[in-house]
Amino acid sequence: MDFYLLNRPQQPLSGSLCGRHWWWQGIACKLFGKPLVVGNILILLPLASLPDSGVNVKSWVWIWWFRQPPEQQAQLRRQLSQLT
């Protein structure tokens, strides 16, 4: 599992190595759509909380590529490439 610190909101985001399971704001999530990659600038993750978490949340979480260390950029690319 890898952790990404987002700029806004300041919440940790983590994802499984396969890219299918995510945790954001302490809630287990899954993708409810295809992630959008905008060049080498931004990635948008469509996350929905899992039914067993008791919280119904759908959010678009964005990650700025240039604010992530190179090793995290590479890991995120691997996670997302496994989804397609």
PDB file of N, CA and C in Angstrom:
ATOM      1  N   MET A   1       0.843  -1.164   0.000  1.00  0.00           N
ATOM      2  CA  MET A   1       0.000   0.000   0.000  1.00  0.00           C
ATOM      3  C   MET A   1       0.895   1.235   0.000  1.00  0.00           C
ATOM      4  N   ASP A   2       0.540   2.214  -0.813  1.00  0.00           N
ATOM      5  CA  ASP A   2       1.301   3.445  -0.906  1.00  0.00           C
ATOM      6  C   ASP A   2       0.443   4.608  -0.444  1.00  0.00           C
ATOM      7  N   PHE A   3       1.089   5.594   0.172  1.00  0.00           N
ATOM      8  CA  PHE A   3       0.385   6.758   0.685  1.00  0.00           C
ATOM      9  C   PHE A   3       0.753   7.980  -0.127  1.00  0.00           C
ATOM     10  N   TYR A   4      -0.238   8.797  -0.441  1.00  0.00           N
ATOM     11  CA  TYR A   4      -0.051  10.042  -1.164  1.00  0.00           C
ATOM     12  C   TYR A   4      -0.642  11.146  -0.313  1.00  0.00           C
ATOM     13  N   LEU A   5       0.129  12.180  -0.018  1.00  0.00           N
ATOM     14  CA  LEU A   5      -0.398  13.299   0.746  1.00  0.00           C
ATOM     15  C   LEU A   5      -0.918  14.329  -0.240  1.00  0.00           C
ATOM     16  N   LEU A   6      -2.193  14.588  -0.167  1.00  0.00           N
ATOM     17  CA  LEU A   6      -2.832  15.518  -1.085  1.00  0.00           C
ATOM     18  C   LEU A   6      -2.708  16.935  -0.557  1.00  0.00           C
ATOM     19  N   ASN A   7      -2.649  17.908  -1.443  1.00  0.00           N
ATOM     20  CA  ASN A   7      -2.533  19.292  -1.032  1.00  0.00           C
ATOM     21  C   ASN A   7      -3.851  19.838  -0.521  1.00  0.00           C
ATOM     22  N   ARG A   8      -4.931  19.615  -1.269  1.00  0.00           N
ATOM     23  CA  ARG A   8      -6.255  20.050  -0.829  1.00  0.00           C
ATOM     24  C   ARG A   8      -7.223  18.931  -1.107  1.00  0.00           C
ATOM     25  N   PRO A   9      -7.902  18.406  -0.171  1.00  0.00           N
ATOM     26  CA  PRO A   9      -7.754  18.622   1.265  1.00  0.00           C
ATOM     27  C   PRO A   9      -6.498  17.928   1.788  1.00  0.00           C
ATOM     28  N   GLN A  10      -6.036  18.349   2.909  1.00  0.00           N
ATOM     29  CA  GLN A  10      -4.830  17.778   3.502  1.00  0.00           C
ATOM     30  C   GLN A  10      -5.177  16.455   4.172  1.00  0.00           C
ATOM     31  N   GLN A  11      -5.442  15.471   3.391  1.00  0.00           N
ATOM     32  CA  GLN A  11      -5.790  14.146   3.894  1.00  0.00           C
ATOM     33  C   GLN A  11      -4.909  13.121   3.198  1.00  0.00           C
ATOM     34  N   PRO A  12      -4.472  12.103   3.915  1.00  0.00           N
ATOM     35  CA  PRO A  12      -3.687  11.063   3.250  1.00  0.00           C
ATOM     36  C   PRO A  12      -4.580  10.172   2.391  1.00  0.00           C
ATOM     37  N   LEU A  13      -4.086   9.806   1.243  1.00  0.00           N
ATOM     38  CA  LEU A  13      -4.740   8.874   0.337  1.00  0.00           C
ATOM     39  C   LEU A  13      -3.812   7.690   0.191  1.00  0.00           C
ATOM     40  N   SER A  14      -4.344   6.499   0.313  1.00  0.00           N
ATOM     41  CA  SER A  14      -3.519   5.315   0.099  1.00  0.00           C
ATOM     42  C   SER A  14      -4.245   4.383  -0.842  1.00  0.00           C
ATOM     43  N   GLY A  15      -3.477   3.599  -1.557  1.00  0.00           N
ATOM     44  CA  GLY A  15      -4.047   2.669  -2.519  1.00  0.00           C
ATOM     45  C   GLY A  15      -3.343   1.336  -2.471  1.00  0.00           C
ATOM     46  N   SER A  16      -4.094   0.299  -2.776  1.00  0.00           N
ATOM     47  CA  SER A  16      -3.501  -1.032  -2.835  1.00  0.00           C
ATOM     48  C   SER A  16      -2.595  -1.112  -4.063  1.00  0.00           C
ATOM     49  N   LEU A  17      -1.719  -2.079  -4.063  1.00  0.00           N
ATOM     50  CA  LEU A  17      -0.782  -2.215  -5.181  1.00  0.00           C
ATOM     51  C   LEU A  17      -1.500  -2.508  -6.490  1.00  0.00           C
ATOM     52  N   CYS A  18      -2.658  -3.172  -6.423  1.00  0.00           N
ATOM     53  CA  CYS A  18      -3.405  -3.475  -7.651  1.00  0.00           C
ATOM     54  C   CYS A  18      -4.224  -2.277  -8.124  1.00  0.00           C
ATOM     55  N   GLY A  19      -4.378  -1.251  -7.300  1.00  0.00           N
ATOM     56  CA  GLY A  19      -5.112  -0.055  -7.694  1.00  0.00           C
ATOM     57  C   GLY A  19      -6.623  -0.161  -7.571  1.00  0.00           C
ATOM     58  N   ARG A  20      -7.123  -1.273  -7.067  1.00  0.00           N
ATOM     59  CA  ARG A  20      -8.577  -1.448  -6.963  1.00  0.00           C
ATOM     60  C   ARG A  20      -9.150  -0.950  -5.641  1.00  0.00           C
ATOM     61  N   HIS A  21      -8.344  -0.912  -4.601  1.00  0.00           N
ATOM     62  CA  HIS A  21      -8.821  -0.502  -3.279  1.00  0.00           C
ATOM     63  C   HIS A  21      -8.076   0.752  -2.834  1.00  0.00           C
ATOM     64  N   TRP A  22      -8.836   1.710  -2.303  1.00  0.00           N
ATOM     65  CA  TRP A  22      -8.265   2.979  -1.869  1.00  0.00           C
ATOM     66  C   TRP A  22      -8.797   3.329  -0.493  1.00  0.00           C
ATOM     67  N   TRP A  23      -8.028   4.090   0.243  1.00  0.00           N
ATOM     68  CA  TRP A  23      -8.452   4.580   1.548  1.00  0.00           C
ATOM     69  C   TRP A  23      -8.214   6.079   1.566  1.00  0.00           C
ATOM     70  N   TRP A  24      -9.283   6.816   1.841  1.00  0.00           N
ATOM     71  CA  TRP A  24      -9.194   8.278   1.865  1.00  0.00           C
ATOM     72  C   TRP A  24      -9.991   8.772   3.049  1.00  0.00           C
ATOM     73  N   GLN A  25      -9.402   9.634   3.840  1.00  0.00           N
ATOM     74  CA  GLN A  25      -9.999  10.168   5.058  1.00  0.00           C
ATOM     75  C   GLN A  25     -10.409   9.039   5.994  1.00  0.00           C
ATOM     76  N   GLY A  26      -9.642   7.964   6.001  1.00  0.00           N
ATOM     77  CA  GLY A  26      -9.915   6.830   6.879  1.00  0.00           C
ATOM     78  C   GLY A  26     -11.071   5.955   6.435  1.00  0.00           C
ATOM     79  N   ILE A  27     -11.580   6.137   5.221  1.00  0.00           N
ATOM     80  CA  ILE A  27     -12.716   5.373   4.709  1.00  0.00           C
ATOM     81  C   ILE A  27     -12.251   4.505   3.547  1.00  0.00           C
ATOM     82  N   ALA A  28     -12.646   3.232   3.562  1.00  0.00           N
ATOM     83  CA  ALA A  28     -12.328   2.327   2.456  1.00  0.00           C
ATOM     84  C   ALA A  28     -13.162   2.727   1.251  1.00  0.00           C
ATOM     85  N   CYS A  29     -12.512   2.829   0.088  1.00  0.00           N
ATOM     86  CA  CYS A  29     -13.182   3.279  -1.133  1.00  0.00           C
ATOM     87  C   CYS A  29     -12.839   2.374  -2.309  1.00  0.00           C
ATOM     88  N   LYS A  30     -13.618   2.543  -3.373  1.00  0.00           N
ATOM     89  CA  LYS A  30     -13.323   1.906  -4.649  1.00  0.00           C
ATOM     90  C   LYS A  30     -13.574   2.951  -5.728  1.00  0.00           C
ATOM     91  N   LEU A  31     -13.064   2.704  -6.908  1.00  0.00           N
ATOM     92  CA  LEU A  31     -13.291   3.626  -8.018  1.00  0.00           C
ATOM     93  C   LEU A  31     -14.710   3.436  -8.543  1.00  0.00           C
ATOM     94  N   PHE A  32     -15.435   4.534  -8.785  1.00  0.00           N
ATOM     95  CA  PHE A  32     -16.766   4.414  -9.370  1.00  0.00           C
ATOM     96  C   PHE A  32     -16.760   4.808 -10.840  1.00  0.00           C
ATOM     97  N   GLY A  33     -15.606   5.055 -11.379  1.00  0.00           N
ATOM     98  CA  GLY A  33     -15.435   5.394 -12.787  1.00  0.00           C
ATOM     99  C   GLY A  33     -13.968   5.255 -13.147  1.00  0.00           C
ATOM    100  N   LYS A  34     -13.658   5.630 -14.359  1.00  0.00           N
ATOM    101  CA  LYS A  34     -12.286   5.549 -14.831  1.00  0.00           C
ATOM    102  C   LYS A  34     -11.513   6.794 -14.381  1.00  0.00           C
ATOM    103  N   PRO A  35     -10.300   6.621 -13.839  1.00  0.00           N
ATOM    104  CA  PRO A  35      -9.490   7.784 -13.474  1.00  0.00           C
ATOM    105  C   PRO A  35      -9.164   8.620 -14.700  1.00  0.00           C
ATOM    106  N   LEU A  36      -9.132   9.911 -14.533  1.00  0.00           N
ATOM    107  CA  LEU A  36      -8.791  10.828 -15.618  1.00  0.00           C
ATOM    108  C   LEU A  36      -7.382  11.344 -15.397  1.00  0.00           C
ATOM    109  N   VAL A  37      -6.554  11.182 -16.409  1.00  0.00           N
ATOM    110  CA  VAL A  37      -5.190  11.694 -16.357  1.00  0.00           C
ATOM    111  C   VAL A  37      -5.117  12.892 -17.296  1.00  0.00           C
ATOM    112  N   VAL A  38      -4.735  14.033 -16.761  1.00  0.00           N
ATOM    113  CA  VAL A  38      -4.631  15.263 -17.539  1.00  0.00           C
ATOM    114  C   VAL A  38      -3.149  15.550 -17.751  1.00  0.00           C
ATOM    115  N   GLY A  39      -2.637  15.089 -18.895  1.00  0.00           N
ATOM    116  CA  GLY A  39      -1.223  15.275 -19.212  1.00  0.00           C
ATOM    117  C   GLY A  39      -0.334  14.736 -18.110  1.00  0.00           C
ATOM    118  N   ASN A  40       0.728  15.436 -17.844  1.00  0.00           N
ATOM    119  CA  ASN A  40       1.606  15.109 -16.721  1.00  0.00           C
ATOM    120  C   ASN A  40       1.394  16.093 -15.582  1.00  0.00           C
ATOM    121  N   ILE A  41       0.188  16.628 -15.503  1.00  0.00           N
ATOM    122  CA  ILE A  41      -0.095  17.650 -14.502  1.00  0.00           C
ATOM    123  C   ILE A  41      -0.947  17.121 -13.365  1.00  0.00           C
ATOM    124  N   LEU A  42      -2.018  16.403 -13.699  1.00  0.00           N
ATOM    125  CA  LEU A  42      -3.055  16.112 -12.729  1.00  0.00           C
ATOM    126  C   LEU A  42      -3.695  14.764 -13.006  1.00  0.00           C
ATOM    127  N   ILE A  43      -4.108  14.083 -11.950  1.00  0.00           N
ATOM    128  CA  ILE A  43      -4.929  12.881 -12.080  1.00  0.00           C
ATOM    129  C   ILE A  43      -6.147  13.043 -11.191  1.00  0.00           C
ATOM    130  N   LEU A  44      -7.300  12.681 -11.711  1.00  0.00           N
ATOM    131  CA  LEU A  44      -8.555  12.731 -10.955  1.00  0.00           C
ATOM    132  C   LEU A  44      -9.025  11.310 -10.692  1.00  0.00           C
ATOM    133  N   LEU A  45      -9.215  10.988  -9.411  1.00  0.00           N
ATOM    134  CA  LEU A  45      -9.686   9.660  -9.031  1.00  0.00           C
ATOM    135  C   LEU A  45     -11.137   9.758  -8.576  1.00  0.00           C
ATOM    136  N   PRO A  46     -12.059   9.047  -9.217  1.00  0.00           N
ATOM    137  CA  PRO A  46     -13.449   9.032  -8.771  1.00  0.00           C
ATOM    138  C   PRO A  46     -13.632   7.954  -7.696  1.00  0.00           C
ATOM    139  N   LEU A  47     -13.716   8.350  -6.437  1.00  0.00           N
ATOM    140  CA  LEU A  47     -13.781   7.397  -5.337  1.00  0.00           C
ATOM    141  C   LEU A  47     -15.166   7.383  -4.702  1.00  0.00           C
ATOM    142  N   ALA A  48     -15.641   6.182  -4.395  1.00  0.00           N
ATOM    143  CA  ALA A  48     -16.905   5.995  -3.672  1.00  0.00           C
ATOM    144  C   ALA A  48     -16.611   5.090  -2.480  1.00  0.00           C
ATOM    145  N   SER A  49     -17.210   5.426  -1.346  1.00  0.00           N
ATOM    146  CA  SER A  49     -16.983   4.600  -0.162  1.00  0.00           C
ATOM    147  C   SER A  49     -17.635   3.234  -0.351  1.00  0.00           C
ATOM    148  N   LEU A  50     -17.076   2.241   0.287  1.00  0.00           N
ATOM    149  CA  LEU A  50     -17.614   0.884   0.198  1.00  0.00           C
ATOM    150  C   LEU A  50     -18.857   0.784   1.088  1.00  0.00           C
ATOM    151  N   PRO A  51     -19.835  -0.027   0.702  1.00  0.00           N
ATOM    152  CA  PRO A  51     -21.083  -0.119   1.466  1.00  0.00           C
ATOM    153  C   PRO A  51     -20.895  -0.516   2.921  1.00  0.00           C
ATOM    154  N   ASP A  52     -19.901  -1.344   3.214  1.00  0.00           N
ATOM    155  CA  ASP A  52     -19.715  -1.793   4.596  1.00  0.00           C
ATOM    156  C   ASP A  52     -19.112  -0.725   5.502  1.00  0.00           C
ATOM    157  N   SER A  53     -18.688   0.418   4.952  1.00  0.00           N
ATOM    158  CA  SER A  53     -18.119   1.474   5.790  1.00  0.00           C
ATOM    159  C   SER A  53     -19.202   2.274   6.507  1.00  0.00           C
ATOM    160  N   GLY A  54     -20.454   2.161   6.064  1.00  0.00           N
ATOM    161  CA  GLY A  54     -21.539   2.881   6.713  1.00  0.00           C
ATOM    162  C   GLY A  54     -21.656   4.337   6.309  1.00  0.00           C
ATOM    163  N   VAL A  55     -20.757   4.792   5.467  1.00  0.00           N
ATOM    164  CA  VAL A  55     -20.759   6.178   5.013  1.00  0.00           C
ATOM    165  C   VAL A  55     -20.898   6.175   3.496  1.00  0.00           C
ATOM    166  N   ASN A  56     -21.830   6.950   2.963  1.00  0.00           N
ATOM    167  CA  ASN A  56     -22.030   7.016   1.521  1.00  0.00           C
ATOM    168  C   ASN A  56     -21.403   8.300   1.000  1.00  0.00           C
ATOM    169  N   VAL A  57     -20.208   8.178   0.450  1.00  0.00           N
ATOM    170  CA  VAL A  57     -19.477   9.343  -0.030  1.00  0.00           C
ATOM    171  C   VAL A  57     -18.965   9.064  -1.437  1.00  0.00           C
ATOM    172  N   LYS A  58     -19.198   9.993  -2.354  1.00  0.00           N
ATOM    173  CA  LYS A  58     -18.583   9.956  -3.683  1.00  0.00           C
ATOM    174  C   LYS A  58     -17.795  11.244  -3.836  1.00  0.00           C
ATOM    175  N   SER A  59     -16.553  11.103  -4.230  1.00  0.00           N
ATOM    176  CA  SER A  59     -15.679  12.264  -4.339  1.00  0.00           C
ATOM    177  C   SER A  59     -14.743  12.103  -5.519  1.00  0.00           C
ATOM    178  N   TRP A  60     -14.393  13.223  -6.113  1.00  0.00           N
ATOM    179  CA  TRP A  60     -13.317  13.273  -7.098  1.00  0.00           C
ATOM    180  C   TRP A  60     -12.094  13.796  -6.354  1.00  0.00           C
ATOM    181  N   VAL A  61     -11.091  12.973  -6.244  1.00  0.00           N
ATOM    182  CA  VAL A  61      -9.864  13.345  -5.538  1.00  0.00           C
ATOM    183  C   VAL A  61      -8.801  13.614  -6.585  1.00  0.00           C
ATOM    184  N   TRP A  62      -8.116  14.745  -6.468  1.00  0.00           N
ATOM    185  CA  TRP A  62      -7.085  15.037  -7.449  1.00  0.00           C
ATOM    186  C   TRP A  62      -5.706  14.978  -6.830  1.00  0.00           C
ATOM    187  N   ILE A  63      -4.773  14.551  -7.666  1.00  0.00           N
ATOM    188  CA  ILE A  63      -3.370  14.436  -7.259  1.00  0.00           C
ATOM    189  C   ILE A  63      -2.545  15.204  -8.279  1.00  0.00           C
ATOM    190  N   TRP A  64      -1.750  16.137  -7.805  1.00  0.00           N
ATOM    191  CA  TRP A  64      -0.834  16.884  -8.681  1.00  0.00           C
ATOM    192  C   TRP A  64       0.428  16.054  -8.852  1.00  0.00           C
ATOM    193  N   TRP A  65       0.758  15.699 -10.093  1.00  0.00           N
ATOM    194  CA  TRP A  65       1.958  14.902 -10.354  1.00  0.00           C
ATOM    195  C   TRP A  65       3.212  15.580  -9.818  1.00  0.00           C
ATOM    196  N   PHE A  66       3.357  16.881 -10.098  1.00  0.00           N
ATOM    197  CA  PHE A  66       4.615  17.555  -9.770  1.00  0.00           C
ATOM    198  C   PHE A  66       4.834  17.723  -8.274  1.00  0.00           C
ATOM    199  N   ARG A  67       3.833  17.477  -7.460  1.00  0.00           N
ATOM    200  CA  ARG A  67       4.008  17.578  -6.008  1.00  0.00           C
ATOM    201  C   ARG A  67       4.338  16.249  -5.374  1.00  0.00           C
ATOM    202  N   GLN A  68       4.369  15.199  -6.166  1.00  0.00           N
ATOM    203  CA  GLN A  68       4.689  13.865  -5.656  1.00  0.00           C
ATOM    204  C   GLN A  68       6.141  13.536  -5.964  1.00  0.00           C
ATOM    205  N   PRO A  69       6.827  12.875  -5.042  1.00  0.00           N
ATOM    206  CA  PRO A  69       8.192  12.440  -5.340  1.00  0.00           C
ATOM    207  C   PRO A  69       8.191  11.481  -6.527  1.00  0.00           C
ATOM    208  N   PRO A  70       9.294  11.422  -7.283  1.00  0.00           N
ATOM    209  CA  PRO A  70       9.357  10.566  -8.476  1.00  0.00           C
ATOM    210  C   PRO A  70       8.980   9.110  -8.218  1.00  0.00           C
ATOM    211  N   GLU A  71       9.384   8.547  -7.074  1.00  0.00           N
ATOM    212  CA  GLU A  71       9.047   7.146  -6.805  1.00  0.00           C
ATOM    213  C   GLU A  71       7.542   6.964  -6.594  1.00  0.00           C
ATOM    214  N   GLN A  72       6.871   7.961  -6.012  1.00  0.00           N
ATOM    215  CA  GLN A  72       5.416   7.863  -5.863  1.00  0.00           C
ATOM    216  C   GLN A  72       4.709   8.070  -7.202  1.00  0.00           C
ATOM    217  N   GLN A  73       5.245   8.919  -8.047  1.00  0.00           N
ATOM    218  CA  GLN A  73       4.673   9.081  -9.384  1.00  0.00           C
ATOM    219  C   GLN A  73       4.708   7.746 -10.134  1.00  0.00           C
ATOM    220  N   ALA A  74       5.839   7.068 -10.052  1.00  0.00           N
ATOM    221  CA  ALA A  74       5.987   5.783 -10.743  1.00  0.00           C
ATOM    222  C   ALA A  74       5.028   4.742 -10.167  1.00  0.00           C
ATOM    223  N   GLN A  75       4.886   4.704  -8.849  1.00  0.00           N
ATOM    224  CA  GLN A  75       3.979   3.738  -8.230  1.00  0.00           C
ATOM    225  C   GLN A  75       2.533   4.017  -8.622  1.00  0.00           C
ATOM    226  N   LEU A  76       2.147   5.269  -8.636  1.00  0.00           N
ATOM    227  CA  LEU A  76       0.782   5.620  -9.020  1.00  0.00           C
ATOM    228  C   LEU A  76       0.511   5.254 -10.480  1.00  0.00           C
ATOM    229  N   ARG A  77       1.474   5.476 -11.338  1.00  0.00           N
ATOM    230  CA  ARG A  77       1.324   5.083 -12.751  1.00  0.00           C
ATOM    231  C   ARG A  77       1.130   3.566 -12.877  1.00  0.00           C
ATOM    232  N   ARG A  78       1.903   2.798 -12.089  1.00  0.00           N
ATOM    233  CA  ARG A  78       1.759   1.336 -12.118  1.00  0.00           C
ATOM    234  C   ARG A  78       0.379   0.916 -11.634  1.00  0.00           C
ATOM    235  N   GLN A  79      -0.074   1.538 -10.553  1.00  0.00           N
ATOM    236  CA  GLN A  79      -1.395   1.189 -10.013  1.00  0.00           C
ATOM    237  C   GLN A  79      -2.490   1.453 -11.046  1.00  0.00           C
ATOM    238  N   LEU A  80      -2.419   2.603 -11.695  1.00  0.00           N
ATOM    239  CA  LEU A  80      -3.468   2.967 -12.643  1.00  0.00           C
ATOM    240  C   LEU A  80      -3.379   2.155 -13.934  1.00  0.00           C
ATOM    241  N   SER A  81      -2.164   1.791 -14.349  1.00  0.00           N
ATOM    242  CA  SER A  81      -2.021   1.002 -15.575  1.00  0.00           C
ATOM    243  C   SER A  81      -2.601  -0.399 -15.403  1.00  0.00           C
ATOM    244  N   GLN A  82      -2.631  -0.903 -14.207  1.00  0.00           N
ATOM    245  CA  GLN A  82      -3.213  -2.226 -13.953  1.00  0.00           C
ATOM    246  C   GLN A  82      -4.732  -2.211 -14.065  1.00  0.00           C
ATOM    247  N   LEU A  83      -5.329  -1.034 -13.975  1.00  0.00           N
ATOM    248  CA  LEU A  83      -6.793  -0.925 -14.044  1.00  0.00           C
ATOM    249  C   LEU A  83      -7.312  -0.948 -15.455  1.00  0.00           C
ATOM    250  N   THR A  84      -6.481  -0.596 -16.429  1.00  0.00           N
ATOM    251  CA  THR A  84      -6.964  -0.510 -17.808  1.00  0.00           C
ATOM    252  C   THR A  84      -6.812  -1.803 -18.562  1.00  0.00           C
TER     253      THR A  84
END
